[in-house]
N, C-alpha and C. Protein backbone atom coordinates (compact mmCIF):
# COMPACT_ATOMS: atom_id res chain seq x y z
N MET A 1 15.90 59.20 155.90
CA MET A 1 15.00 58.33 157.45
C MET A 1 14.39 59.23 158.36
N LYS A 2 13.08 58.67 158.87
CA LYS A 2 12.95 59.47 159.48
C LYS A 2 12.74 59.61 160.98
N LYS A 3 11.95 60.89 161.14
CA LYS A 3 12.79 60.62 162.58
C LYS A 3 11.41 62.03 163.63
N VAL A 4 11.77 61.92 164.83
CA VAL A 4 10.20 62.51 165.56
C VAL A 4 11.11 63.46 166.11
N PHE A 5 10.27 64.69 166.02
CA PHE A 5 10.69 65.66 166.63
C PHE A 5 9.86 66.62 167.52
N LEU A 6 10.21 67.02 168.60
CA LEU A 6 9.44 68.13 169.49
C LEU A 6 9.53 69.72 168.91
N VAL A 7 7.94 69.71 168.59
CA VAL A 7 7.83 71.28 168.11
C VAL A 7 7.18 72.53 168.85
N ILE A 8 8.51 73.37 169.84
CA ILE A 8 6.71 74.18 171.28
C ILE A 8 7.19 75.39 170.50
N HIS A 9 5.80 75.97 170.58
CA HIS A 9 5.71 77.37 169.80
C HIS A 9 4.51 77.97 170.95
N GLU A 10 4.82 79.43 170.86
CA GLU A 10 4.01 79.82 171.78
C GLU A 10 2.94 80.15 171.56
N LEU A 11 2.61 79.79 173.15
CA LEU A 11 1.01 79.70 172.61
C LEU A 11 0.26 80.60 172.03
N GLY A 12 0.38 82.30 171.61
CA GLY A 12 0.02 83.14 171.20
C GLY A 12 -0.08 82.89 169.60
N ILE A 13 0.40 82.23 169.13
CA ILE A 13 0.53 81.92 167.49
C ILE A 13 -0.65 80.51 167.03
N ILE A 14 -1.12 80.29 168.27
CA ILE A 14 -2.15 78.98 167.59
C ILE A 14 -3.16 79.42 166.45
N ASN A 15 -2.76 79.59 164.98
CA ASN A 15 -3.97 79.68 163.96
C ASN A 15 -4.07 78.53 163.09
N ASP A 16 -4.66 78.78 162.07
CA ASP A 16 -5.48 77.31 161.45
C ASP A 16 -3.70 76.84 160.49
N VAL A 17 -3.37 78.65 160.20
CA VAL A 17 -2.43 78.46 158.69
C VAL A 17 -0.56 78.26 159.98
N LEU A 18 -0.58 77.68 161.21
CA LEU A 18 0.39 77.39 161.62
C LEU A 18 0.39 76.03 161.48
N LYS A 19 -0.73 75.78 161.98
CA LYS A 19 -1.19 74.11 162.21
C LYS A 19 -1.46 73.45 161.01
N ASP A 20 -1.30 73.85 159.85
CA ASP A 20 -1.90 73.43 158.85
C ASP A 20 -0.07 72.94 157.97
N ARG A 21 1.20 74.18 158.26
CA ARG A 21 2.18 73.69 158.10
C ARG A 21 2.95 73.09 158.91
N ILE A 22 2.38 72.80 159.66
CA ILE A 22 3.13 71.88 161.36
C ILE A 22 3.05 70.44 160.61
N ARG A 23 1.40 69.97 160.08
CA ARG A 23 0.77 69.07 159.76
C ARG A 23 1.37 68.33 158.45
N SER A 24 1.63 69.29 157.71
CA SER A 24 1.76 69.17 156.62
C SER A 24 3.61 68.54 155.94
N LEU A 25 4.42 68.39 157.56
CA LEU A 25 5.52 67.97 157.52
C LEU A 25 5.45 66.54 157.62
N GLY A 26 4.87 66.00 158.43
CA GLY A 26 4.46 64.16 158.53
C GLY A 26 3.24 64.06 159.67
N ARG A 27 3.34 62.91 159.86
CA ARG A 27 2.86 62.31 161.30
C ARG A 27 2.93 63.06 161.88
N SER A 28 1.93 63.96 162.80
CA SER A 28 1.91 64.72 163.78
C SER A 28 1.00 64.14 165.18
N TYR A 29 1.29 64.48 166.21
CA TYR A 29 0.59 64.61 167.35
C TYR A 29 0.43 65.63 167.87
N VAL A 30 -0.25 66.53 168.58
CA VAL A 30 -0.64 68.32 168.95
C VAL A 30 -0.83 67.61 170.28
N PHE A 31 -0.07 67.78 171.89
CA PHE A 31 -1.03 68.12 172.85
C PHE A 31 -1.07 69.52 173.85
N TRP A 32 -1.69 69.99 174.48
CA TRP A 32 -1.13 71.16 175.07
C TRP A 32 -1.35 72.39 174.41
N ASN A 33 -2.01 71.89 173.13
CA ASN A 33 -2.09 73.36 172.55
C ASN A 33 -0.95 73.89 171.83
N ASN A 34 0.05 73.17 171.96
CA ASN A 34 1.79 74.04 171.56
C ASN A 34 2.69 73.16 171.77
N HIS A 35 2.39 72.18 171.75
CA HIS A 35 3.40 71.01 171.66
C HIS A 35 2.86 69.61 170.51
N TRP A 36 3.51 69.67 169.72
CA TRP A 36 3.64 68.32 168.79
C TRP A 36 4.91 67.71 168.59
N LEU A 37 4.52 66.53 168.39
CA LEU A 37 5.24 65.48 167.86
C LEU A 37 5.25 65.53 166.49
N VAL A 38 6.53 65.20 165.42
CA VAL A 38 6.37 65.07 163.76
C VAL A 38 7.46 64.48 163.30
N GLU A 39 7.30 63.58 162.93
CA GLU A 39 7.39 62.55 161.83
C GLU A 39 8.00 62.91 160.88
N THR A 40 9.12 63.14 160.20
CA THR A 40 9.58 63.74 158.97
C THR A 40 11.06 63.51 158.83
N ASP A 41 11.31 63.83 157.63
CA ASP A 41 12.47 63.58 157.51
C ASP A 41 13.69 64.60 157.23
N LEU A 42 12.87 65.44 157.42
CA LEU A 42 13.67 66.90 157.49
C LEU A 42 14.00 67.29 158.71
N THR A 43 15.45 68.15 158.86
CA THR A 43 16.38 68.67 159.93
C THR A 43 15.48 69.58 160.91
N ALA A 44 16.05 69.76 161.75
CA ALA A 44 15.48 70.88 163.30
C ALA A 44 15.38 72.36 162.09
N GLU A 45 16.34 72.65 161.55
CA GLU A 45 16.20 73.37 160.99
C GLU A 45 15.60 73.76 159.74
N GLU A 46 15.26 72.90 159.11
CA GLU A 46 14.54 72.71 157.78
C GLU A 46 12.70 72.39 158.54
N ILE A 47 12.31 72.24 159.60
CA ILE A 47 11.47 72.26 160.25
C ILE A 47 11.53 73.41 160.55
N TYR A 48 12.11 74.29 160.90
CA TYR A 48 11.94 75.82 161.85
C TYR A 48 11.99 76.59 160.26
N HIS A 49 12.26 76.41 158.78
CA HIS A 49 12.10 77.10 158.44
C HIS A 49 10.42 76.93 157.51
N ARG A 50 10.47 75.98 157.86
CA ARG A 50 9.27 75.79 156.95
C ARG A 50 8.24 76.25 157.75
N ILE A 51 7.97 76.26 159.17
CA ILE A 51 6.59 76.64 159.66
C ILE A 51 6.86 78.63 160.31
N ALA A 52 7.72 78.33 160.44
CA ALA A 52 8.31 80.51 160.85
C ALA A 52 8.88 80.89 159.79
N CYS A 53 8.50 80.66 158.42
CA CYS A 53 8.81 82.01 157.13
C CYS A 53 7.74 82.90 157.51
N ASP A 54 7.83 84.02 157.00
CA ASP A 54 6.86 85.22 156.90
C ASP A 54 6.49 85.48 158.59
N ILE A 55 4.99 85.29 158.27
CA ILE A 55 4.33 86.11 159.58
C ILE A 55 4.17 85.43 160.71
N PHE A 56 5.71 83.93 160.78
CA PHE A 56 5.88 83.99 162.96
C PHE A 56 7.32 83.83 162.42
N GLU A 57 8.10 84.69 161.48
CA GLU A 57 9.09 84.80 161.63
C GLU A 57 9.77 85.34 162.79
N ARG A 58 9.31 86.39 163.61
CA ARG A 58 9.28 86.96 165.07
C ARG A 58 8.68 86.43 166.51
N GLN A 59 9.09 84.92 165.87
CA GLN A 59 7.68 84.12 166.99
C GLN A 59 8.56 83.29 167.51
N ALA A 60 8.73 83.00 168.87
CA ALA A 60 9.28 82.01 169.33
C ALA A 60 8.82 80.61 169.12
N PHE A 61 10.00 79.69 168.90
CA PHE A 61 9.86 77.76 168.06
C PHE A 61 11.39 77.12 168.86
N PHE A 62 10.77 76.21 169.51
CA PHE A 62 11.78 75.07 170.32
C PHE A 62 11.39 73.94 169.48
N ILE A 63 12.39 72.99 168.81
CA ILE A 63 12.80 71.95 168.16
C ILE A 63 13.71 71.04 168.19
N VAL A 64 13.17 69.89 168.76
CA VAL A 64 14.57 69.67 169.29
C VAL A 64 14.10 67.52 168.43
N GLU A 65 15.07 67.01 168.17
CA GLU A 65 15.21 65.91 167.84
C GLU A 65 14.84 64.82 168.76
N ILE A 66 13.55 63.66 169.38
CA ILE A 66 13.32 63.23 170.11
C ILE A 66 14.21 61.43 169.41
N THR A 67 14.84 61.19 170.54
CA THR A 67 15.55 59.66 170.24
C THR A 67 15.01 59.29 170.92
N ASN A 68 13.74 57.73 171.06
CA ASN A 68 13.63 56.84 171.88
C ASN A 68 14.46 54.81 171.48
N LYS A 69 15.08 54.79 171.28
CA LYS A 69 15.36 53.83 170.71
C LYS A 69 15.69 51.92 171.85
N SER A 70 15.55 52.27 172.66
CA SER A 70 15.23 51.35 174.30
C SER A 70 13.41 51.22 174.41
N ARG A 71 13.03 52.61 173.64
CA ARG A 71 11.50 52.11 173.74
C ARG A 71 11.81 52.26 175.67
N GLU A 72 12.58 52.94 175.96
CA GLU A 72 12.53 53.27 177.42
C GLU A 72 12.67 54.57 177.91
N GLY A 73 12.49 55.32 177.13
CA GLY A 73 13.35 56.69 176.82
C GLY A 73 11.92 57.34 177.60
N TYR A 74 10.90 57.57 177.56
CA TYR A 74 10.13 58.12 178.05
C TYR A 74 8.83 57.46 178.93
N TRP A 75 8.06 58.52 179.70
CA TRP A 75 7.29 58.03 180.63
C TRP A 75 6.14 58.78 181.16
N GLY A 76 5.29 58.34 181.86
CA GLY A 76 4.56 59.61 182.59
C GLY A 76 3.04 59.45 182.51
N ILE A 77 1.97 60.08 182.67
CA ILE A 77 0.54 59.77 182.44
C ILE A 77 0.31 61.27 181.35
N MET A 78 -0.14 60.72 180.49
CA MET A 78 -0.41 61.58 179.63
C MET A 78 -2.21 60.41 179.06
N ASN A 79 -2.63 61.28 177.93
CA ASN A 79 -3.54 60.61 177.07
C ASN A 79 -3.14 59.27 176.13
N ARG A 80 -4.20 58.56 176.27
CA ARG A 80 -3.77 56.61 175.87
C ARG A 80 -3.31 57.89 174.69
N THR A 81 -3.79 57.92 173.56
CA THR A 81 -3.31 58.12 172.68
C THR A 81 -2.11 58.81 172.39
N LEU A 82 -1.67 59.29 172.67
CA LEU A 82 -0.40 59.78 172.86
C LEU A 82 0.91 58.67 172.47
N TRP A 83 0.72 57.33 174.21
CA TRP A 83 1.85 56.18 173.81
C TRP A 83 1.50 55.45 172.50
N LYS A 84 -0.37 55.36 172.25
CA LYS A 84 -0.07 55.20 170.83
C LYS A 84 0.84 55.58 169.97
N TRP A 85 0.46 56.13 169.08
CA TRP A 85 1.09 57.73 168.16
C TRP A 85 2.13 56.97 168.74
N LEU A 86 3.43 57.09 169.62
CA LEU A 86 4.55 56.71 170.20
C LEU A 86 4.78 55.55 169.45
N LYS A 87 4.23 54.45 169.62
CA LYS A 87 4.64 53.20 169.77
C LYS A 87 4.08 52.71 167.89
N ASN A 88 3.55 53.51 167.18
CA ASN A 88 4.49 53.96 165.42
C ASN A 88 4.35 54.26 165.41
N GLU A 89 5.80 54.95 165.25
CA GLU A 89 7.30 55.95 165.18
C GLU A 89 7.98 55.22 164.67
């Protein structure tokens, strides 16, 4: 079963390799350049190992599963594309 994770990485490691690794995990949405929502079957630990291996192993990552069973579990002001992305989860 697919779950949605928030993946945050250090701003200093924005590059195409990292972006490609995160996108390869599943459907994704990026905001503020270093915050990603990713829909995947993987666990948080598996996500970490897939994106942080080799050149990123000493960089900071925060990965947490987001649950929103009631559709009332998020609120705020963001780009409308984020709300559309969340509705498709």
